[in-house]
Amino acid sequence: MEIVFFLWFVIIIGFAFLRMFLKKRFGINQEEQAGIPVKKFERWNNWLMILAIIVLAVNMQNSLESFFFWIFMIFFVGNATQIFLEWKYLKGSRKYQVSLINSMLGGLAIIIFITVAITQMN
């Protein structure tokens, strides 16, 4: 069990390093210095997703499978909205490409986590 927690910790740290690498690769730091409001979309999206997950956790305490389904749906809709808004409103920015790559890998990690959790419960 300790190995699983360590593995998830390594995955989370890996996502942080991947995000830093992609921001450097696509030149997002230069965009932030030029005055493009890159972090504004991220903050709003992250707070709304956290709020939705808290409300979901309070309301769905009986069914773990449906809870996991709705967590994935919140993640999918939240990130799709963020990617669309970045693409639409941050003209000249390549931030949406970083968000797209990060969201796909994050979704894959969530699917793997849900699969492992459900097989552990059965």
PDB file of N, CA and C in Angstrom:
ATOM      1  N   MET A   1       0.813  -1.186   0.000  1.00  0.00           N
ATOM      2  CA  MET A   1       0.000   0.000   0.000  1.00  0.00           C
ATOM      3  C   MET A   1       0.863   1.259   0.000  1.00  0.00           C
ATOM      4  N   GLU A   2       1.999   1.213   0.702  1.00  0.00           N
ATOM      5  CA  GLU A   2       2.896   2.362   0.733  1.00  0.00           C
ATOM      6  C   GLU A   2       3.477   2.638  -0.646  1.00  0.00           C
ATOM      7  N   ILE A   3       3.667   1.596  -1.432  1.00  0.00           N
ATOM      8  CA  ILE A   3       4.203   1.762  -2.779  1.00  0.00           C
ATOM      9  C   ILE A   3       3.210   2.526  -3.648  1.00  0.00           C
ATOM     10  N   VAL A   4       1.919   2.260  -3.474  1.00  0.00           N
ATOM     11  CA  VAL A   4       0.890   2.944  -4.264  1.00  0.00           C
ATOM     12  C   VAL A   4       0.883   4.436  -3.947  1.00  0.00           C
ATOM     13  N   PHE A   5       0.955   4.787  -2.659  1.00  0.00           N
ATOM     14  CA  PHE A   5       0.994   6.202  -2.282  1.00  0.00           C
ATOM     15  C   PHE A   5       2.248   6.876  -2.829  1.00  0.00           C
ATOM     16  N   PHE A   6       3.373   6.194  -2.753  1.00  0.00           N
ATOM     17  CA  PHE A   6       4.615   6.735  -3.291  1.00  0.00           C
ATOM     18  C   PHE A   6       4.506   6.930  -4.800  1.00  0.00           C
ATOM     19  N   LEU A   7       3.896   5.961  -5.492  1.00  0.00           N
ATOM     20  CA  LEU A   7       3.733   6.048  -6.941  1.00  0.00           C
ATOM     21  C   LEU A   7       2.853   7.241  -7.322  1.00  0.00           C
ATOM     22  N   TRP A   8       1.744   7.446  -6.591  1.00  0.00           N
ATOM     23  CA  TRP A   8       0.878   8.596  -6.880  1.00  0.00           C
ATOM     24  C   TRP A   8       1.581   9.905  -6.563  1.00  0.00           C
ATOM     25  N   PHE A   9       2.409   9.932  -5.530  1.00  0.00           N
ATOM     26  CA  PHE A   9       3.186  11.123  -5.210  1.00  0.00           C
ATOM     27  C   PHE A   9       4.158  11.446  -6.335  1.00  0.00           C
ATOM     28  N   VAL A  10       4.817  10.428  -6.872  1.00  0.00           N
ATOM     29  CA  VAL A  10       5.744  10.617  -7.990  1.00  0.00           C
ATOM     30  C   VAL A  10       4.992  11.118  -9.226  1.00  0.00           C
ATOM     31  N   ILE A  11       3.790  10.601  -9.470  1.00  0.00           N
ATOM     32  CA  ILE A  11       2.990  11.040 -10.622  1.00  0.00           C
ATOM     33  C   ILE A  11       2.611  12.507 -10.473  1.00  0.00           C
ATOM     34  N   ILE A  12       2.207  12.910  -9.273  1.00  0.00           N
ATOM     35  CA  ILE A  12       1.830  14.305  -9.045  1.00  0.00           C
ATOM     36  C   ILE A  12       3.028  15.225  -9.236  1.00  0.00           C
ATOM     37  N   ILE A  13       4.177  14.847  -8.713  1.00  0.00           N
ATOM     38  CA  ILE A  13       5.392  15.637  -8.900  1.00  0.00           C
ATOM     39  C   ILE A  13       5.775  15.667 -10.380  1.00  0.00           C
ATOM     40  N   GLY A  14       5.579  14.544 -11.062  1.00  0.00           N
ATOM     41  CA  GLY A  14       5.858  14.483 -12.495  1.00  0.00           C
ATOM     42  C   GLY A  14       4.995  15.446 -13.287  1.00  0.00           C
ATOM     43  N   PHE A  15       3.716  15.582 -12.906  1.00  0.00           N
ATOM     44  CA  PHE A  15       2.841  16.544 -13.573  1.00  0.00           C
ATOM     45  C   PHE A  15       3.336  17.972 -13.371  1.00  0.00           C
ATOM     46  N   ALA A  16       3.828  18.267 -12.183  1.00  0.00           N
ATOM     47  CA  ALA A  16       4.338  19.618 -11.917  1.00  0.00           C
ATOM     48  C   ALA A  16       5.561  19.905 -12.791  1.00  0.00           C
ATOM     49  N   PHE A  17       6.478  18.943 -12.888  1.00  0.00           N
ATOM     50  CA  PHE A  17       7.652  19.142 -13.736  1.00  0.00           C
ATOM     51  C   PHE A  17       7.277  19.198 -15.215  1.00  0.00           C
ATOM     52  N   LEU A  18       6.308  18.388 -15.625  1.00  0.00           N
ATOM     53  CA  LEU A  18       5.845  18.425 -17.009  1.00  0.00           C
ATOM     54  C   LEU A  18       5.256  19.786 -17.342  1.00  0.00           C
ATOM     55  N   ARG A  19       4.460  20.322 -16.433  1.00  0.00           N
ATOM     56  CA  ARG A  19       3.859  21.650 -16.639  1.00  0.00           C
ATOM     57  C   ARG A  19       4.939  22.726 -16.759  1.00  0.00           C
ATOM     58  N   MET A  20       5.965  22.667 -15.890  1.00  0.00           N
ATOM     59  CA  MET A  20       7.050  23.641 -15.983  1.00  0.00           C
ATOM     60  C   MET A  20       7.799  23.503 -17.303  1.00  0.00           C
ATOM     61  N   PHE A  21       8.062  22.262 -17.727  1.00  0.00           N
ATOM     62  CA  PHE A  21       8.757  22.025 -18.990  1.00  0.00           C
ATOM     63  C   PHE A  21       7.945  22.543 -20.169  1.00  0.00           C
ATOM     64  N   LEU A  22       6.634  22.259 -20.183  1.00  0.00           N
ATOM     65  CA  LEU A  22       5.799  22.707 -21.290  1.00  0.00           C
ATOM     66  C   LEU A  22       5.677  24.228 -21.331  1.00  0.00           C
ATOM     67  N   LYS A  23       5.574  24.865 -20.168  1.00  0.00           N
ATOM     68  CA  LYS A  23       5.513  26.322 -20.137  1.00  0.00           C
ATOM     69  C   LYS A  23       6.794  26.929 -20.698  1.00  0.00           C
ATOM     70  N   LYS A  24       7.925  26.315 -20.390  1.00  0.00           N
ATOM     71  CA  LYS A  24       9.196  26.808 -20.910  1.00  0.00           C
ATOM     72  C   LYS A  24       9.302  26.534 -22.409  1.00  0.00           C
ATOM     73  N   ARG A  25       8.878  25.350 -22.816  1.00  0.00           N
ATOM     74  CA  ARG A  25       8.956  24.949 -24.224  1.00  0.00           C
ATOM     75  C   ARG A  25       8.087  25.819 -25.121  1.00  0.00           C
ATOM     76  N   PHE A  26       6.862  26.151 -24.670  1.00  0.00           N
ATOM     77  CA  PHE A  26       5.942  26.947 -25.467  1.00  0.00           C
ATOM     78  C   PHE A  26       6.071  28.449 -25.205  1.00  0.00           C
ATOM     79  N   GLY A  27       6.958  28.857 -24.304  1.00  0.00           N
ATOM     80  CA  GLY A  27       7.196  30.272 -24.053  1.00  0.00           C
ATOM     81  C   GLY A  27       6.080  30.969 -23.311  1.00  0.00           C
ATOM     82  N   ILE A  28       5.417  30.279 -22.399  1.00  0.00           N
ATOM     83  CA  ILE A  28       4.299  30.862 -21.660  1.00  0.00           C
ATOM     84  C   ILE A  28       4.796  31.922 -20.680  1.00  0.00           C
ATOM     85  N   ASN A  29       5.993  31.755 -20.110  1.00  0.00           N
ATOM     86  CA  ASN A  29       6.506  32.734 -19.158  1.00  0.00           C
ATOM     87  C   ASN A  29       6.705  34.098 -19.816  1.00  0.00           C
ATOM     88  N   GLN A  30       7.130  34.105 -21.085  1.00  0.00           N
ATOM     89  CA  GLN A  30       7.288  35.371 -21.788  1.00  0.00           C
ATOM     90  C   GLN A  30       5.931  36.034 -22.027  1.00  0.00           C
ATOM     91  N   GLU A  31       4.890  35.224 -22.247  1.00  0.00           N
ATOM     92  CA  GLU A  31       3.552  35.773 -22.447  1.00  0.00           C
ATOM     93  C   GLU A  31       3.047  36.431 -21.166  1.00  0.00           C
ATOM     94  N   GLU A  32       3.332  35.818 -20.027  1.00  0.00           N
ATOM     95  CA  GLU A  32       2.906  36.401 -18.758  1.00  0.00           C
ATOM     96  C   GLU A  32       3.595  37.734 -18.520  1.00  0.00           C
ATOM     97  N   GLN A  33       4.846  37.833 -18.916  1.00  0.00           N
ATOM     98  CA  GLN A  33       5.569  39.090 -18.744  1.00  0.00           C
ATOM     99  C   GLN A  33       5.072  40.158 -19.714  1.00  0.00           C
ATOM    100  N   ALA A  34       4.499  39.738 -20.850  1.00  0.00           N
ATOM    101  CA  ALA A  34       4.003  40.688 -21.836  1.00  0.00           C
ATOM    102  C   ALA A  34       2.613  41.207 -21.483  1.00  0.00           C
ATOM    103  N   GLY A  35       2.000  40.715 -20.422  1.00  0.00           N
ATOM    104  CA  GLY A  35       0.718  41.231 -19.976  1.00  0.00           C
ATOM    105  C   GLY A  35      -0.490  40.412 -20.410  1.00  0.00           C
ATOM    106  N   ILE A  36      -0.292  39.245 -20.980  1.00  0.00           N
ATOM    107  CA  ILE A  36      -1.425  38.395 -21.352  1.00  0.00           C
ATOM    108  C   ILE A  36      -1.924  37.715 -20.078  1.00  0.00           C
ATOM    109  N   PRO A  37      -3.231  37.796 -19.761  1.00  0.00           N
ATOM    110  CA  PRO A  37      -3.757  37.267 -18.485  1.00  0.00           C
ATOM    111  C   PRO A  37      -3.897  35.744 -18.492  1.00  0.00           C
ATOM    112  N   VAL A  38      -2.769  35.043 -18.507  1.00  0.00           N
ATOM    113  CA  VAL A  38      -2.773  33.588 -18.610  1.00  0.00           C
ATOM    114  C   VAL A  38      -3.328  32.937 -17.354  1.00  0.00           C
ATOM    115  N   LYS A  39      -2.954  33.425 -16.184  1.00  0.00           N
ATOM    116  CA  LYS A  39      -3.347  32.774 -14.932  1.00  0.00           C
ATOM    117  C   LYS A  39      -4.795  33.037 -14.538  1.00  0.00           C
ATOM    118  N   LYS A  40      -5.413  34.031 -15.143  1.00  0.00           N
ATOM    119  CA  LYS A  40      -6.780  34.391 -14.782  1.00  0.00           C
ATOM    120  C   LYS A  40      -7.745  33.241 -15.064  1.00  0.00           C
ATOM    121  N   PHE A  41      -7.632  32.614 -16.225  1.00  0.00           N
ATOM    122  CA  PHE A  41      -8.497  31.501 -16.575  1.00  0.00           C
ATOM    123  C   PHE A  41      -8.242  30.297 -15.677  1.00  0.00           C
ATOM    124  N   GLU A  42      -6.978  30.046 -15.392  1.00  0.00           N
ATOM    125  CA  GLU A  42      -6.629  28.902 -14.544  1.00  0.00           C
ATOM    126  C   GLU A  42      -7.224  29.034 -13.147  1.00  0.00           C
ATOM    127  N   ARG A  43      -7.101  30.202 -12.547  1.00  0.00           N
ATOM    128  CA  ARG A  43      -7.610  30.392 -11.192  1.00  0.00           C
ATOM    129  C   ARG A  43      -9.116  30.186 -11.113  1.00  0.00           C
ATOM    130  N   TRP A  44      -9.855  30.808 -12.026  1.00  0.00           N
ATOM    131  CA  TRP A  44     -11.310  30.669 -12.017  1.00  0.00           C
ATOM    132  C   TRP A  44     -11.714  29.220 -12.232  1.00  0.00           C
ATOM    133  N   ASN A  45     -11.098  28.565 -13.175  1.00  0.00           N
ATOM    134  CA  ASN A  45     -11.437  27.182 -13.472  1.00  0.00           C
ATOM    135  C   ASN A  45     -11.112  26.266 -12.299  1.00  0.00           C
ATOM    136  N   ASN A  46      -9.958  26.441 -11.697  1.00  0.00           N
ATOM    137  CA  ASN A  46      -9.574  25.582 -10.575  1.00  0.00           C
ATOM    138  C   ASN A  46     -10.499  25.767  -9.378  1.00  0.00           C
ATOM    139  N   TRP A  47     -10.860  27.007  -9.063  1.00  0.00           N
ATOM    140  CA  TRP A  47     -11.763  27.237  -7.937  1.00  0.00           C
ATOM    141  C   TRP A  47     -13.149  26.664  -8.202  1.00  0.00           C
ATOM    142  N   LEU A  48     -13.646  26.804  -9.417  1.00  0.00           N
ATOM    143  CA  LEU A  48     -14.964  26.242  -9.739  1.00  0.00           C
ATOM    144  C   LEU A  48     -14.948  24.716  -9.681  1.00  0.00           C
ATOM    145  N   MET A  49     -13.857  24.096 -10.153  1.00  0.00           N
ATOM    146  CA  MET A  49     -13.764  22.632 -10.092  1.00  0.00           C
ATOM    147  C   MET A  49     -13.675  22.153  -8.646  1.00  0.00           C
ATOM    148  N   ILE A  50     -12.923  22.841  -7.815  1.00  0.00           N
ATOM    149  CA  ILE A  50     -12.814  22.460  -6.400  1.00  0.00           C
ATOM    150  C   ILE A  50     -14.164  22.591  -5.709  1.00  0.00           C
ATOM    151  N   LEU A  51     -14.865  23.676  -5.966  1.00  0.00           N
ATOM    152  CA  LEU A  51     -16.183  23.873  -5.381  1.00  0.00           C
ATOM    153  C   LEU A  51     -17.154  22.786  -5.834  1.00  0.00           C
ATOM    154  N   ALA A  52     -17.136  22.441  -7.113  1.00  0.00           N
ATOM    155  CA  ALA A  52     -18.026  21.395  -7.628  1.00  0.00           C
ATOM    156  C   ALA A  52     -17.701  20.047  -7.001  1.00  0.00           C
ATOM    157  N   ILE A  53     -16.430  19.732  -6.803  1.00  0.00           N
ATOM    158  CA  ILE A  53     -16.048  18.455  -6.199  1.00  0.00           C
ATOM    159  C   ILE A  53     -16.453  18.415  -4.726  1.00  0.00           C
ATOM    160  N   ILE A  54     -16.346  19.530  -4.012  1.00  0.00           N
ATOM    161  CA  ILE A  54     -16.774  19.563  -2.610  1.00  0.00           C
ATOM    162  C   ILE A  54     -18.276  19.348  -2.507  1.00  0.00           C
ATOM    163  N   VAL A  55     -19.049  20.032  -3.349  1.00  0.00           N
ATOM    164  CA  VAL A  55     -20.501  19.843  -3.356  1.00  0.00           C
ATOM    165  C   VAL A  55     -20.843  18.405  -3.712  1.00  0.00           C
ATOM    166  N   LEU A  56     -20.139  17.842  -4.663  1.00  0.00           N
ATOM    167  CA  LEU A  56     -20.365  16.455  -5.068  1.00  0.00           C
ATOM    168  C   LEU A  56     -20.040  15.491  -3.925  1.00  0.00           C
ATOM    169  N   ALA A  57     -18.952  15.727  -3.229  1.00  0.00           N
ATOM    170  CA  ALA A  57     -18.563  14.845  -2.126  1.00  0.00           C
ATOM    171  C   ALA A  57     -19.585  14.880  -0.991  1.00  0.00           C
ATOM    172  N   VAL A  58     -20.176  16.036  -0.758  1.00  0.00           N
ATOM    173  CA  VAL A  58     -21.180  16.146   0.301  1.00  0.00           C
ATOM    174  C   VAL A  58     -22.471  15.429  -0.097  1.00  0.00           C
ATOM    175  N   ASN A  59     -22.849  15.537  -1.358  1.00  0.00           N
ATOM    176  CA  ASN A  59     -24.126  14.990  -1.814  1.00  0.00           C
ATOM    177  C   ASN A  59     -24.093  13.527  -2.216  1.00  0.00           C
ATOM    178  N   MET A  60     -22.957  12.980  -2.576  1.00  0.00           N
ATOM    179  CA  MET A  60     -22.900  11.606  -3.078  1.00  0.00           C
ATOM    180  C   MET A  60     -22.019  10.732  -2.191  1.00  0.00           C
ATOM    181  N   GLN A  61     -22.438  10.495  -1.000  1.00  0.00           N
ATOM    182  CA  GLN A  61     -21.638   9.694  -0.092  1.00  0.00           C
ATOM    183  C   GLN A  61     -21.965   8.211  -0.170  1.00  0.00           C
ATOM    184  N   ASN A  62     -23.048   7.830  -0.843  1.00  0.00           N
ATOM    185  CA  ASN A  62     -23.459   6.429  -0.872  1.00  0.00           C
ATOM    186  C   ASN A  62     -22.828   5.637  -2.005  1.00  0.00           C
ATOM    187  N   SER A  63     -22.751   6.205  -3.176  1.00  0.00           N
ATOM    188  CA  SER A  63     -22.300   5.461  -4.341  1.00  0.00           C
ATOM    189  C   SER A  63     -20.929   5.947  -4.791  1.00  0.00           C
ATOM    190  N   LEU A  64     -19.915   5.122  -4.602  1.00  0.00           N
ATOM    191  CA  LEU A  64     -18.559   5.501  -4.968  1.00  0.00           C
ATOM    192  C   LEU A  64     -18.359   5.502  -6.481  1.00  0.00           C
ATOM    193  N   GLU A  65     -19.013   4.562  -7.197  1.00  0.00           N
ATOM    194  CA  GLU A  65     -18.861   4.511  -8.647  1.00  0.00           C
ATOM    195  C   GLU A  65     -19.426   5.764  -9.312  1.00  0.00           C
ATOM    196  N   SER A  66     -20.602   6.201  -8.887  1.00  0.00           N
ATOM    197  CA  SER A  66     -21.172   7.413  -9.480  1.00  0.00           C
ATOM    198  C   SER A  66     -20.376   8.652  -9.046  1.00  0.00           C
ATOM    199  N   PHE A  67     -19.816   8.629  -7.841  1.00  0.00           N
ATOM    200  CA  PHE A  67     -18.955   9.727  -7.405  1.00  0.00           C
ATOM    201  C   PHE A  67     -17.739   9.851  -8.323  1.00  0.00           C
ATOM    202  N   PHE A  68     -17.085   8.727  -8.615  1.00  0.00           N
ATOM    203  CA  PHE A  68     -15.936   8.739  -9.518  1.00  0.00           C
ATOM    204  C   PHE A  68     -16.332   9.201 -10.916  1.00  0.00           C
ATOM    205  N   PHE A  69     -17.502   8.766 -11.390  1.00  0.00           N
ATOM    206  CA  PHE A  69     -17.981   9.190 -12.708  1.00  0.00           C
ATOM    207  C   PHE A  69     -18.146  10.703 -12.752  1.00  0.00           C
ATOM    208  N   TRP A  70     -18.778  11.278 -11.730  1.00  0.00           N
ATOM    209  CA  TRP A  70     -18.997  12.715 -11.723  1.00  0.00           C
ATOM    210  C   TRP A  70     -17.714  13.492 -11.521  1.00  0.00           C
ATOM    211  N   ILE A  71     -16.762  12.926 -10.785  1.00  0.00           N
ATOM    212  CA  ILE A  71     -15.444  13.574 -10.660  1.00  0.00           C
ATOM    213  C   ILE A  71     -14.797  13.675 -12.037  1.00  0.00           C
ATOM    214  N   PHE A  72     -14.832  12.583 -12.788  1.00  0.00           N
ATOM    215  CA  PHE A  72     -14.249  12.595 -14.129  1.00  0.00           C
ATOM    216  C   PHE A  72     -14.982  13.590 -15.032  1.00  0.00           C
ATOM    217  N   MET A  73     -16.303  13.650 -14.927  1.00  0.00           N
ATOM    218  CA  MET A  73     -17.070  14.580 -15.755  1.00  0.00           C
ATOM    219  C   MET A  73     -16.748  16.030 -15.394  1.00  0.00           C
ATOM    220  N   ILE A  74     -16.611  16.337 -14.119  1.00  0.00           N
ATOM    221  CA  ILE A  74     -16.242  17.692 -13.707  1.00  0.00           C
ATOM    222  C   ILE A  74     -14.863  18.041 -14.244  1.00  0.00           C
ATOM    223  N   PHE A  75     -13.932  17.106 -14.139  1.00  0.00           N
ATOM    224  CA  PHE A  75     -12.587  17.318 -14.663  1.00  0.00           C
ATOM    225  C   PHE A  75     -12.628  17.563 -16.174  1.00  0.00           C
ATOM    226  N   PHE A  76     -13.385  16.737 -16.888  1.00  0.00           N
ATOM    227  CA  PHE A  76     -13.459  16.850 -18.341  1.00  0.00           C
ATOM    228  C   PHE A  76     -14.092  18.174 -18.774  1.00  0.00           C
ATOM    229  N   VAL A  77     -15.229  18.507 -18.204  1.00  0.00           N
ATOM    230  CA  VAL A  77     -15.936  19.741 -18.593  1.00  0.00           C
ATOM    231  C   VAL A  77     -15.127  20.976 -18.182  1.00  0.00           C
ATOM    232  N   GLY A  78     -14.563  20.956 -16.987  1.00  0.00           N
ATOM    233  CA  GLY A  78     -13.771  22.099 -16.525  1.00  0.00           C
ATOM    234  C   GLY A  78     -12.558  22.352 -17.394  1.00  0.00           C
ATOM    235  N   ASN A  79     -11.836  21.303 -17.719  1.00  0.00           N
ATOM    236  CA  ASN A  79     -10.650  21.479 -18.552  1.00  0.00           C
ATOM    237  C   ASN A  79     -10.998  21.806 -19.998  1.00  0.00           C
ATOM    238  N   ALA A  80     -12.067  21.218 -20.523  1.00  0.00           N
ATOM    239  CA  ALA A  80     -12.490  21.562 -21.881  1.00  0.00           C
ATOM    240  C   ALA A  80     -12.886  23.029 -21.969  1.00  0.00           C
ATOM    241  N   THR A  81     -13.571  23.525 -20.959  1.00  0.00           N
ATOM    242  CA  THR A  81     -13.955  24.937 -20.927  1.00  0.00           C
ATOM    243  C   THR A  81     -12.728  25.830 -20.850  1.00  0.00           C
ATOM    244  N   GLN A  82     -11.779  25.462 -20.006  1.00  0.00           N
ATOM    245  CA  GLN A  82     -10.559  26.251 -19.883  1.00  0.00           C
ATOM    246  C   GLN A  82      -9.793  26.283 -21.199  1.00  0.00           C
ATOM    247  N   ILE A  83      -9.664  25.142 -21.855  1.00  0.00           N
ATOM    248  CA  ILE A  83      -8.937  25.082 -23.122  1.00  0.00           C
ATOM    249  C   ILE A  83      -9.633  25.938 -24.175  1.00  0.00           C
ATOM    250  N   PHE A  84     -10.969  25.859 -24.232  1.00  0.00           N
ATOM    251  CA  PHE A  84     -11.710  26.654 -25.201  1.00  0.00           C
ATOM    252  C   PHE A  84     -11.542  28.148 -24.939  1.00  0.00           C
ATOM    253  N   LEU A  85     -11.667  28.569 -23.677  1.00  0.00           N
ATOM    254  CA  LEU A  85     -11.531  29.985 -23.356  1.00  0.00           C
ATOM    255  C   LEU A  85     -10.118  30.502 -23.635  1.00  0.00           C
ATOM    256  N   GLU A  86      -9.115  29.681 -23.341  1.00  0.00           N
ATOM    257  CA  GLU A  86      -7.746  30.091 -23.643  1.00  0.00           C
ATOM    258  C   GLU A  86      -7.535  30.215 -25.141  1.00  0.00           C
ATOM    259  N   TRP A  87      -8.069  29.289 -25.910  1.00  0.00           N
ATOM    260  CA  TRP A  87      -7.935  29.332 -27.358  1.00  0.00           C
ATOM    261  C   TRP A  87      -8.674  30.527 -27.946  1.00  0.00           C
ATOM    262  N   LYS A  88      -9.858  30.799 -27.433  1.00  0.00           N
ATOM    263  CA  LYS A  88     -10.713  31.848 -27.983  1.00  0.00           C
ATOM    264  C   LYS A  88     -10.250  33.248 -27.596  1.00  0.00           C
ATOM    265  N   TYR A  89      -9.895  33.455 -26.332  1.00  0.00           N
ATOM    266  CA  TYR A  89      -9.671  34.810 -25.842  1.00  0.00           C
ATOM    267  C   TYR A  89      -8.213  35.205 -25.672  1.00  0.00           C
ATOM    268  N   LEU A  90      -7.324  34.263 -25.579  1.00  0.00           N
ATOM    269  CA  LEU A  90      -5.905  34.609 -25.457  1.00  0.00           C
ATOM    270  C   LEU A  90      -5.258  34.511 -26.832  1.00  0.00           C
ATOM    271  N   LYS A  91      -5.616  35.438 -27.702  1.00  0.00           N
ATOM    272  CA  LYS A  91      -5.084  35.442 -29.066  1.00  0.00           C
ATOM    273  C   LYS A  91      -3.570  35.595 -29.035  1.00  0.00           C
ATOM    274  N   GLY A  92      -2.912  34.807 -29.840  1.00  0.00           N
ATOM    275  CA  GLY A  92      -1.464  34.855 -29.894  1.00  0.00           C
ATOM    276  C   GLY A  92      -0.789  34.032 -28.812  1.00  0.00           C
ATOM    277  N   SER A  93      -1.567  33.436 -27.936  1.00  0.00           N
ATOM    278  CA  SER A  93      -1.007  32.629 -26.862  1.00  0.00           C
ATOM    279  C   SER A  93      -1.050  31.158 -27.259  1.00  0.00           C
ATOM    280  N   ARG A  94      -0.081  30.410 -26.789  1.00  0.00           N
ATOM    281  CA  ARG A  94      -0.078  28.966 -27.018  1.00  0.00           C
ATOM    282  C   ARG A  94      -0.383  28.220 -25.720  1.00  0.00           C
ATOM    283  N   LYS A  95      -0.967  28.923 -24.774  1.00  0.00           N
ATOM    284  CA  LYS A  95      -1.288  28.339 -23.473  1.00  0.00           C
ATOM    285  C   LYS A  95      -2.258  27.191 -23.597  1.00  0.00           C
ATOM    286  N   TYR A  96      -3.190  27.274 -24.550  1.00  0.00           N
ATOM    287  CA  TYR A  96      -4.177  26.207 -24.697  1.00  0.00           C
ATOM    288  C   TYR A  96      -3.518  24.888 -25.075  1.00  0.00           C
ATOM    289  N   GLN A  97      -2.380  24.928 -25.771  1.00  0.00           N
ATOM    290  CA  GLN A  97      -1.682  23.693 -26.113  1.00  0.00           C
ATOM    291  C   GLN A  97      -1.118  23.023 -24.871  1.00  0.00           C
ATOM    292  N   VAL A  98      -0.576  23.822 -23.967  1.00  0.00           N
ATOM    293  CA  VAL A  98      -0.073  23.287 -22.697  1.00  0.00           C
ATOM    294  C   VAL A  98      -1.221  22.694 -21.895  1.00  0.00           C
ATOM    295  N   SER A  99      -2.345  23.416 -21.843  1.00  0.00           N
ATOM    296  CA  SER A  99      -3.507  22.932 -21.099  1.00  0.00           C
ATOM    297  C   SER A  99      -4.070  21.657 -21.706  1.00  0.00           C
ATOM    298  N   LEU A 100      -4.057  21.548 -23.020  1.00  0.00           N
ATOM    299  CA  LEU A 100      -4.561  20.355 -23.692  1.00  0.00           C
ATOM    300  C   LEU A 100      -3.717  19.130 -23.350  1.00  0.00           C
ATOM    301  N   ILE A 101      -2.418  19.270 -23.425  1.00  0.00           N
ATOM    302  CA  ILE A 101      -1.519  18.151 -23.093  1.00  0.00           C
ATOM    303  C   ILE A 101      -1.660  17.775 -21.630  1.00  0.00           C
ATOM    304  N   ASN A 102      -1.679  18.773 -20.769  1.00  0.00           N
ATOM    305  CA  ASN A 102      -1.807  18.525 -19.330  1.00  0.00           C
ATOM    306  C   ASN A 102      -3.146  17.861 -19.003  1.00  0.00           C
ATOM    307  N   SER A 103      -4.220  18.293 -19.654  1.00  0.00           N
ATOM    308  CA  SER A 103      -5.547  17.729 -19.395  1.00  0.00           C
ATOM    309  C   SER A 103      -5.643  16.280 -19.864  1.00  0.00           C
ATOM    310  N   MET A 104      -5.060  15.985 -21.013  1.00  0.00           N
ATOM    311  CA  MET A 104      -5.108  14.600 -21.497  1.00  0.00           C
ATOM    312  C   MET A 104      -4.359  13.671 -20.554  1.00  0.00           C
ATOM    313  N   LEU A 105      -3.191  14.085 -20.112  1.00  0.00           N
ATOM    314  CA  LEU A 105      -2.429  13.239 -19.191  1.00  0.00           C
ATOM    315  C   LEU A 105      -3.096  13.165 -17.820  1.00  0.00           C
ATOM    316  N   GLY A 106      -3.682  14.249 -17.374  1.00  0.00           N
ATOM    317  CA  GLY A 106      -4.412  14.239 -16.102  1.00  0.00           C
ATOM    318  C   GLY A 106      -5.636  13.343 -16.165  1.00  0.00           C
ATOM    319  N   GLY A 107      -6.363  13.392 -17.279  1.00  0.00           N
ATOM    320  CA  GLY A 107      -7.527  12.515 -17.468  1.00  0.00           C
ATOM    321  C   GLY A 107      -7.121  11.055 -17.470  1.00  0.00           C
ATOM    322  N   LEU A 108      -6.018  10.755 -18.128  1.00  0.00           N
ATOM    323  CA  LEU A 108      -5.516   9.381 -18.134  1.00  0.00           C
ATOM    324  C   LEU A 108      -5.146   8.924 -16.723  1.00  0.00           C
ATOM    325  N   ALA A 109      -4.524   9.800 -15.943  1.00  0.00           N
ATOM    326  CA  ALA A 109      -4.172   9.457 -14.556  1.00  0.00           C
ATOM    327  C   ALA A 109      -5.424   9.240 -13.717  1.00  0.00           C
ATOM    328  N   ILE A 110      -6.460  10.048 -13.933  1.00  0.00           N
ATOM    329  CA  ILE A 110      -7.707   9.877 -13.179  1.00  0.00           C
ATOM    330  C   ILE A 110      -8.371   8.555 -13.545  1.00  0.00           C
ATOM    331  N   ILE A 111      -8.378   8.210 -14.828  1.00  0.00           N
ATOM    332  CA  ILE A 111      -8.972   6.929 -15.257  1.00  0.00           C
ATOM    333  C   ILE A 111      -8.219   5.764 -14.630  1.00  0.00           C
ATOM    334  N   ILE A 112      -6.899   5.835 -14.616  1.00  0.00           N
ATOM    335  CA  ILE A 112      -6.102   4.763 -14.006  1.00  0.00           C
ATOM    336  C   ILE A 112      -6.385   4.690 -12.506  1.00  0.00           C
ATOM    337  N   PHE A 113      -6.465   5.836 -11.841  1.00  0.00           N
ATOM    338  CA  PHE A 113      -6.752   5.863 -10.410  1.00  0.00           C
ATOM    339  C   PHE A 113      -8.125   5.262 -10.115  1.00  0.00           C
ATOM    340  N   ILE A 114      -9.126   5.634 -10.893  1.00  0.00           N
ATOM    341  CA  ILE A 114     -10.479   5.109 -10.685  1.00  0.00           C
ATOM    342  C   ILE A 114     -10.504   3.605 -10.909  1.00  0.00           C
ATOM    343  N   THR A 115      -9.833   3.138 -11.944  1.00  0.00           N
ATOM    344  CA  THR A 115      -9.790   1.704 -12.240  1.00  0.00           C
ATOM    345  C   THR A 115      -9.121   0.937 -11.101  1.00  0.00           C
ATOM    346  N   VAL A 116      -8.003   1.451 -10.608  1.00  0.00           N
ATOM    347  CA  VAL A 116      -7.312   0.786  -9.500  1.00  0.00           C
ATOM    348  C   VAL A 116      -8.172   0.794  -8.249  1.00  0.00           C
ATOM    349  N   ALA A 117      -8.812   1.926  -7.966  1.00  0.00           N
ATOM    350  CA  ALA A 117      -9.651   2.014  -6.767  1.00  0.00           C
ATOM    351  C   ALA A 117     -10.834   1.062  -6.828  1.00  0.00           C
ATOM    352  N   ILE A 118     -11.479   0.957  -7.972  1.00  0.00           N
ATOM    353  CA  ILE A 118     -12.635   0.075  -8.103  1.00  0.00           C
ATOM    354  C   ILE A 118     -12.205  -1.391  -8.031  1.00  0.00           C
ATOM    355  N   THR A 119     -11.078  -1.752  -8.627  1.00  0.00           N
ATOM    356  CA  THR A 119     -10.635  -3.145  -8.536  1.00  0.00           C
ATOM    357  C   THR A 119     -10.175  -3.487  -7.113  1.00  0.00           C
ATOM    358  N   GLN A 120      -9.649  -2.517  -6.376  1.00  0.00           N
ATOM    359  CA  GLN A 120      -9.257  -2.762  -4.988  1.00  0.00           C
ATOM    360  C   GLN A 120     -10.472  -2.985  -4.096  1.00  0.00           C
ATOM    361  N   MET A 121     -11.582  -2.312  -4.426  1.00  0.00           N
ATOM    362  CA  MET A 121     -12.799  -2.438  -3.609  1.00  0.00           C
ATOM    363  C   MET A 121     -13.511  -3.764  -3.857  1.00  0.00           C
ATOM    364  N   ASN A 122     -13.395  -4.296  -5.042  1.00  0.00           N
ATOM    365  CA  ASN A 122     -14.096  -5.555  -5.353  1.00  0.00           C
ATOM    366  C   ASN A 122     -13.304  -6.734  -4.987  1.00  0.00           C
TER     367      ASN A 122
END
